[in-house]
Amino acid sequence: MRCVIARYPFDFTKIGVLASMKGVTPELITGDSVTIGRRRYPVKQVGRVLTRQDPRDFTSGEVVRAMTRLGFTCHEAQVAAPVPVLTPLQEASAMLGSPAAAEAL
């Protein structure tokens, strides 16, 4: 499949991507990721390995689009749920077991 990443054309195949990523240890996932084989890789790492370009030269969206078209499963970055902030009064009530404080959570 032909795709353009960082304004350069590349021809990727699913078998070629699997072969390129074989033996590559996944880095810490901090953003979007893609499952290749049994491993989950950061999208920027996959793009760097496949294109041999600096990750600052392309966007994660370009790689996600290419990997999706090849049939790989891509995952969006997970956003942490906001932690509710309690007032000191609510916090003290929660420590004492007040039902009203439990509702505020």
N, C-alpha and C. Protein backbone atom coordinates (compact mmCIF):
# COMPACT_ATOMS: atom_id res chain seq x y z
N MET A 1 0.84 -1.17 0.00
CA MET A 1 0.00 0.00 0.00
C MET A 1 0.89 1.24 0.00
N ARG A 2 0.54 2.18 -0.79
CA ARG A 2 1.31 3.41 -0.88
C ARG A 2 0.70 4.46 0.03
N CYS A 3 1.55 5.10 0.83
CA CYS A 3 1.08 6.17 1.70
C CYS A 3 2.16 7.24 1.80
N VAL A 4 1.75 8.41 2.21
CA VAL A 4 2.67 9.54 2.34
C VAL A 4 2.82 9.88 3.81
N ILE A 5 4.07 9.88 4.28
CA ILE A 5 4.39 10.25 5.66
C ILE A 5 5.48 11.29 5.59
N ALA A 6 5.23 12.43 6.19
CA ALA A 6 6.17 13.56 6.19
C ALA A 6 6.53 13.96 4.76
N ARG A 7 5.52 13.98 3.91
CA ARG A 7 5.65 14.39 2.51
C ARG A 7 6.54 13.47 1.67
N TYR A 8 6.84 12.26 2.16
CA TYR A 8 7.61 11.28 1.39
C TYR A 8 6.74 10.05 1.16
N PRO A 9 6.72 9.53 -0.08
CA PRO A 9 5.90 8.34 -0.35
C PRO A 9 6.59 7.06 0.13
N PHE A 10 5.81 6.15 0.69
CA PHE A 10 6.31 4.86 1.14
C PHE A 10 5.36 3.78 0.67
N ASP A 11 5.92 2.61 0.38
CA ASP A 11 5.12 1.43 0.03
C ASP A 11 5.24 0.44 1.18
N PHE A 12 4.14 0.26 1.90
CA PHE A 12 4.13 -0.65 3.04
C PHE A 12 3.25 -1.85 2.74
N THR A 13 3.64 -2.99 3.29
CA THR A 13 2.79 -4.18 3.28
C THR A 13 2.68 -4.66 4.72
N LYS A 14 1.63 -5.39 5.01
CA LYS A 14 1.44 -5.90 6.37
C LYS A 14 2.59 -6.82 6.76
N ILE A 15 3.00 -7.68 5.85
CA ILE A 15 4.11 -8.60 6.12
C ILE A 15 5.41 -7.83 6.31
N GLY A 16 5.61 -6.79 5.53
CA GLY A 16 6.82 -5.97 5.66
C GLY A 16 6.88 -5.25 7.00
N VAL A 17 5.74 -4.75 7.47
CA VAL A 17 5.69 -4.08 8.78
C VAL A 17 5.98 -5.08 9.88
N LEU A 18 5.38 -6.26 9.80
CA LEU A 18 5.63 -7.30 10.80
C LEU A 18 7.11 -7.68 10.84
N ALA A 19 7.74 -7.80 9.67
CA ALA A 19 9.15 -8.15 9.61
C ALA A 19 10.03 -7.03 10.15
N SER A 20 9.67 -5.78 9.87
CA SER A 20 10.46 -4.65 10.35
C SER A 20 10.40 -4.51 11.87
N MET A 21 9.25 -4.81 12.45
CA MET A 21 9.06 -4.64 13.89
C MET A 21 9.46 -5.88 14.69
N LYS A 22 9.80 -6.96 14.00
CA LYS A 22 10.20 -8.18 14.69
C LYS A 22 11.51 -7.94 15.45
N GLY A 23 11.51 -8.26 16.72
CA GLY A 23 12.69 -8.09 17.54
C GLY A 23 12.87 -6.70 18.12
N VAL A 24 11.96 -5.78 17.82
CA VAL A 24 12.03 -4.42 18.35
C VAL A 24 11.28 -4.38 19.68
N THR A 25 11.97 -3.92 20.72
CA THR A 25 11.34 -3.82 22.04
C THR A 25 10.49 -2.55 22.11
N PRO A 26 9.23 -2.68 22.53
CA PRO A 26 8.37 -1.49 22.62
C PRO A 26 8.87 -0.50 23.67
N GLU A 27 8.77 0.78 23.33
CA GLU A 27 9.11 1.84 24.28
C GLU A 27 7.89 2.12 25.15
N LEU A 28 8.05 2.99 26.13
CA LEU A 28 6.95 3.38 27.00
C LEU A 28 5.88 4.10 26.18
N ILE A 29 4.63 3.68 26.34
CA ILE A 29 3.52 4.28 25.59
C ILE A 29 3.00 5.49 26.35
N THR A 30 3.10 6.64 25.70
CA THR A 30 2.60 7.87 26.31
C THR A 30 1.49 8.52 25.48
N GLY A 31 1.30 8.07 24.28
CA GLY A 31 0.28 8.65 23.40
C GLY A 31 -0.44 7.55 22.65
N ASP A 32 -0.69 7.78 21.37
CA ASP A 32 -1.35 6.79 20.53
C ASP A 32 -0.44 5.57 20.38
N SER A 33 -1.07 4.41 20.17
CA SER A 33 -0.30 3.18 20.02
C SER A 33 -0.93 2.29 18.96
N VAL A 34 -0.17 1.29 18.52
CA VAL A 34 -0.64 0.35 17.52
C VAL A 34 -0.20 -1.05 17.94
N THR A 35 -1.10 -2.02 17.75
CA THR A 35 -0.79 -3.41 18.07
C THR A 35 -0.25 -4.07 16.81
N ILE A 36 0.99 -4.56 16.91
CA ILE A 36 1.63 -5.27 15.80
C ILE A 36 2.06 -6.62 16.34
N GLY A 37 1.48 -7.66 15.79
CA GLY A 37 1.73 -8.99 16.34
C GLY A 37 1.07 -9.08 17.70
N ARG A 38 1.85 -9.46 18.71
CA ARG A 38 1.31 -9.54 20.07
C ARG A 38 1.73 -8.35 20.93
N ARG A 39 2.44 -7.42 20.35
CA ARG A 39 2.96 -6.30 21.12
C ARG A 39 2.28 -5.00 20.75
N ARG A 40 2.29 -4.09 21.70
CA ARG A 40 1.70 -2.76 21.49
C ARG A 40 2.83 -1.73 21.50
N TYR A 41 2.98 -1.01 20.39
CA TYR A 41 4.07 -0.05 20.19
C TYR A 41 3.53 1.38 20.15
N PRO A 42 4.33 2.34 20.62
CA PRO A 42 3.95 3.74 20.39
C PRO A 42 3.99 4.04 18.89
N VAL A 43 3.06 4.83 18.43
CA VAL A 43 2.95 5.12 17.01
C VAL A 43 4.22 5.80 16.48
N LYS A 44 4.78 6.70 17.25
CA LYS A 44 5.99 7.41 16.82
C LYS A 44 7.17 6.44 16.66
N GLN A 45 7.26 5.42 17.51
CA GLN A 45 8.33 4.43 17.38
C GLN A 45 8.16 3.62 16.11
N VAL A 46 6.93 3.23 15.81
CA VAL A 46 6.66 2.48 14.58
C VAL A 46 7.03 3.32 13.36
N GLY A 47 6.62 4.58 13.37
CA GLY A 47 6.95 5.46 12.26
C GLY A 47 8.46 5.64 12.09
N ARG A 48 9.17 5.75 13.21
CA ARG A 48 10.63 5.93 13.15
C ARG A 48 11.30 4.69 12.56
N VAL A 49 10.85 3.50 12.99
CA VAL A 49 11.45 2.26 12.50
C VAL A 49 11.14 2.05 11.01
N LEU A 50 9.90 2.31 10.62
CA LEU A 50 9.50 2.04 9.24
C LEU A 50 10.06 3.05 8.24
N THR A 51 10.08 4.32 8.63
CA THR A 51 10.49 5.36 7.67
C THR A 51 11.95 5.78 7.82
N ARG A 52 12.57 5.42 8.96
CA ARG A 52 13.94 5.84 9.28
C ARG A 52 14.07 7.37 9.31
N GLN A 53 12.99 8.01 9.75
CA GLN A 53 12.97 9.46 9.88
C GLN A 53 12.88 9.84 11.35
N ASP A 54 13.24 11.07 11.64
CA ASP A 54 13.12 11.59 12.99
C ASP A 54 11.63 11.71 13.31
N PRO A 55 11.20 11.28 14.50
CA PRO A 55 9.77 11.35 14.85
C PRO A 55 9.19 12.76 14.83
N ARG A 56 10.05 13.77 14.90
CA ARG A 56 9.54 15.15 14.84
C ARG A 56 9.14 15.55 13.42
N ASP A 57 9.52 14.73 12.42
CA ASP A 57 9.21 15.05 11.03
C ASP A 57 7.80 14.63 10.59
N PHE A 58 7.16 13.74 11.35
CA PHE A 58 5.83 13.28 10.96
C PHE A 58 4.89 13.31 12.17
N THR A 59 3.61 13.25 11.89
CA THR A 59 2.62 13.26 12.96
C THR A 59 2.18 11.82 13.25
N SER A 60 1.66 11.63 14.44
CA SER A 60 1.17 10.30 14.79
C SER A 60 -0.05 9.95 13.94
N GLY A 61 -0.81 10.96 13.55
CA GLY A 61 -1.98 10.72 12.70
C GLY A 61 -1.63 10.10 11.36
N GLU A 62 -0.51 10.50 10.79
CA GLU A 62 -0.09 9.93 9.51
C GLU A 62 0.21 8.44 9.65
N VAL A 63 0.87 8.07 10.73
CA VAL A 63 1.22 6.66 10.95
C VAL A 63 -0.03 5.86 11.31
N VAL A 64 -0.89 6.44 12.14
CA VAL A 64 -2.14 5.75 12.51
C VAL A 64 -2.97 5.47 11.26
N ARG A 65 -3.07 6.45 10.40
CA ARG A 65 -3.85 6.28 9.16
C ARG A 65 -3.26 5.14 8.31
N ALA A 66 -1.93 5.09 8.18
CA ALA A 66 -1.29 4.05 7.38
C ALA A 66 -1.48 2.67 8.01
N MET A 67 -1.29 2.58 9.33
CA MET A 67 -1.41 1.29 10.01
C MET A 67 -2.86 0.78 9.99
N THR A 68 -3.81 1.69 10.11
CA THR A 68 -5.22 1.30 10.05
C THR A 68 -5.57 0.76 8.67
N ARG A 69 -5.06 1.40 7.63
CA ARG A 69 -5.33 0.94 6.26
C ARG A 69 -4.71 -0.43 6.00
N LEU A 70 -3.61 -0.74 6.72
CA LEU A 70 -2.97 -2.05 6.56
C LEU A 70 -3.67 -3.13 7.39
N GLY A 71 -4.57 -2.72 8.28
CA GLY A 71 -5.32 -3.71 9.06
C GLY A 71 -4.85 -3.88 10.48
N PHE A 72 -3.94 -3.04 10.95
CA PHE A 72 -3.49 -3.12 12.34
C PHE A 72 -4.46 -2.36 13.23
N THR A 73 -4.53 -2.77 14.50
CA THR A 73 -5.41 -2.12 15.47
C THR A 73 -4.67 -0.96 16.12
N CYS A 74 -5.24 0.24 16.03
CA CYS A 74 -4.64 1.43 16.63
C CYS A 74 -5.46 1.84 17.84
N HIS A 75 -4.77 2.39 18.84
CA HIS A 75 -5.40 2.79 20.08
C HIS A 75 -5.10 4.26 20.34
N GLU A 76 -6.12 5.00 20.78
CA GLU A 76 -5.93 6.41 21.13
C GLU A 76 -5.26 6.51 22.50
N ALA A 77 -4.64 7.65 22.75
CA ALA A 77 -4.03 7.89 24.05
C ALA A 77 -5.11 7.89 25.11
N GLN A 78 -4.81 7.25 26.22
CA GLN A 78 -5.79 7.18 27.30
C GLN A 78 -5.63 8.40 28.19
N VAL A 79 -6.76 9.04 28.47
CA VAL A 79 -6.77 10.24 29.30
C VAL A 79 -7.20 9.83 30.70
N ALA A 80 -6.45 10.27 31.69
CA ALA A 80 -6.78 9.94 33.07
C ALA A 80 -8.07 10.65 33.48
N ALA A 81 -8.85 9.96 34.27
CA ALA A 81 -10.10 10.55 34.76
C ALA A 81 -9.79 11.63 35.79
N PRO A 82 -10.52 12.72 35.76
CA PRO A 82 -10.25 13.78 36.73
C PRO A 82 -10.57 13.31 38.15
N VAL A 83 -9.72 13.71 39.08
CA VAL A 83 -9.90 13.35 40.48
C VAL A 83 -10.73 14.45 41.14
N PRO A 84 -11.83 14.09 41.81
CA PRO A 84 -12.64 15.12 42.45
C PRO A 84 -11.88 15.77 43.61
N VAL A 85 -11.97 17.07 43.70
CA VAL A 85 -11.32 17.81 44.76
C VAL A 85 -12.35 18.13 45.83
N LEU A 86 -12.06 17.70 47.04
CA LEU A 86 -12.98 17.93 48.14
C LEU A 86 -12.54 19.13 48.96
N THR A 87 -13.53 19.82 49.50
CA THR A 87 -13.22 20.91 50.43
C THR A 87 -12.80 20.28 51.76
N PRO A 88 -12.11 21.01 52.61
CA PRO A 88 -11.73 20.44 53.91
C PRO A 88 -12.92 19.90 54.70
N LEU A 89 -14.06 20.56 54.61
CA LEU A 89 -15.25 20.11 55.33
C LEU A 89 -15.73 18.77 54.77
N GLN A 90 -15.76 18.64 53.43
CA GLN A 90 -16.17 17.38 52.80
C GLN A 90 -15.19 16.26 53.14
N GLU A 91 -13.91 16.59 53.17
CA GLU A 91 -12.88 15.61 53.48
C GLU A 91 -13.05 15.08 54.92
N ALA A 92 -13.29 16.00 55.88
CA ALA A 92 -13.49 15.59 57.27
C ALA A 92 -14.77 14.76 57.40
N SER A 93 -15.81 15.15 56.69
CA SER A 93 -17.06 14.39 56.73
C SER A 93 -16.86 12.99 56.16
N ALA A 94 -16.08 12.88 55.10
CA ALA A 94 -15.81 11.57 54.50
C ALA A 94 -15.05 10.67 55.46
N MET A 95 -14.10 11.24 56.21
CA MET A 95 -13.35 10.45 57.18
C MET A 95 -14.24 9.96 58.32
N LEU A 96 -15.27 10.71 58.63
CA LEU A 96 -16.19 10.33 59.70
C LEU A 96 -17.31 9.42 59.19
N GLY A 97 -17.39 9.25 57.88
CA GLY A 97 -18.37 8.35 57.30
C GLY A 97 -19.71 8.98 57.02
N SER A 98 -19.73 10.26 56.72
CA SER A 98 -20.98 10.94 56.43
C SER A 98 -21.48 10.52 55.05
N PRO A 99 -22.77 10.18 54.92
CA PRO A 99 -23.31 9.82 53.60
C PRO A 99 -23.31 10.98 52.62
N ALA A 100 -23.42 12.22 53.12
CA ALA A 100 -23.41 13.38 52.23
C ALA A 100 -22.04 13.54 51.56
N ALA A 101 -20.98 13.22 52.29
CA ALA A 101 -19.63 13.32 51.72
C ALA A 101 -19.41 12.25 50.67
N ALA A 102 -20.01 11.08 50.86
CA ALA A 102 -19.86 10.00 49.88
C ALA A 102 -20.54 10.37 48.57
N GLU A 103 -21.64 11.13 48.63
CA GLU A 103 -22.34 11.55 47.41
C GLU A 103 -21.52 12.55 46.63
N ALA A 104 -20.66 13.34 47.31
CA ALA A 104 -19.85 14.35 46.62
C ALA A 104 -18.79 13.70 45.76
N LEU A 105 -18.42 12.47 46.08
CA LEU A 105 -17.41 11.76 45.30
C LEU A 105 -18.04 11.31 44.03
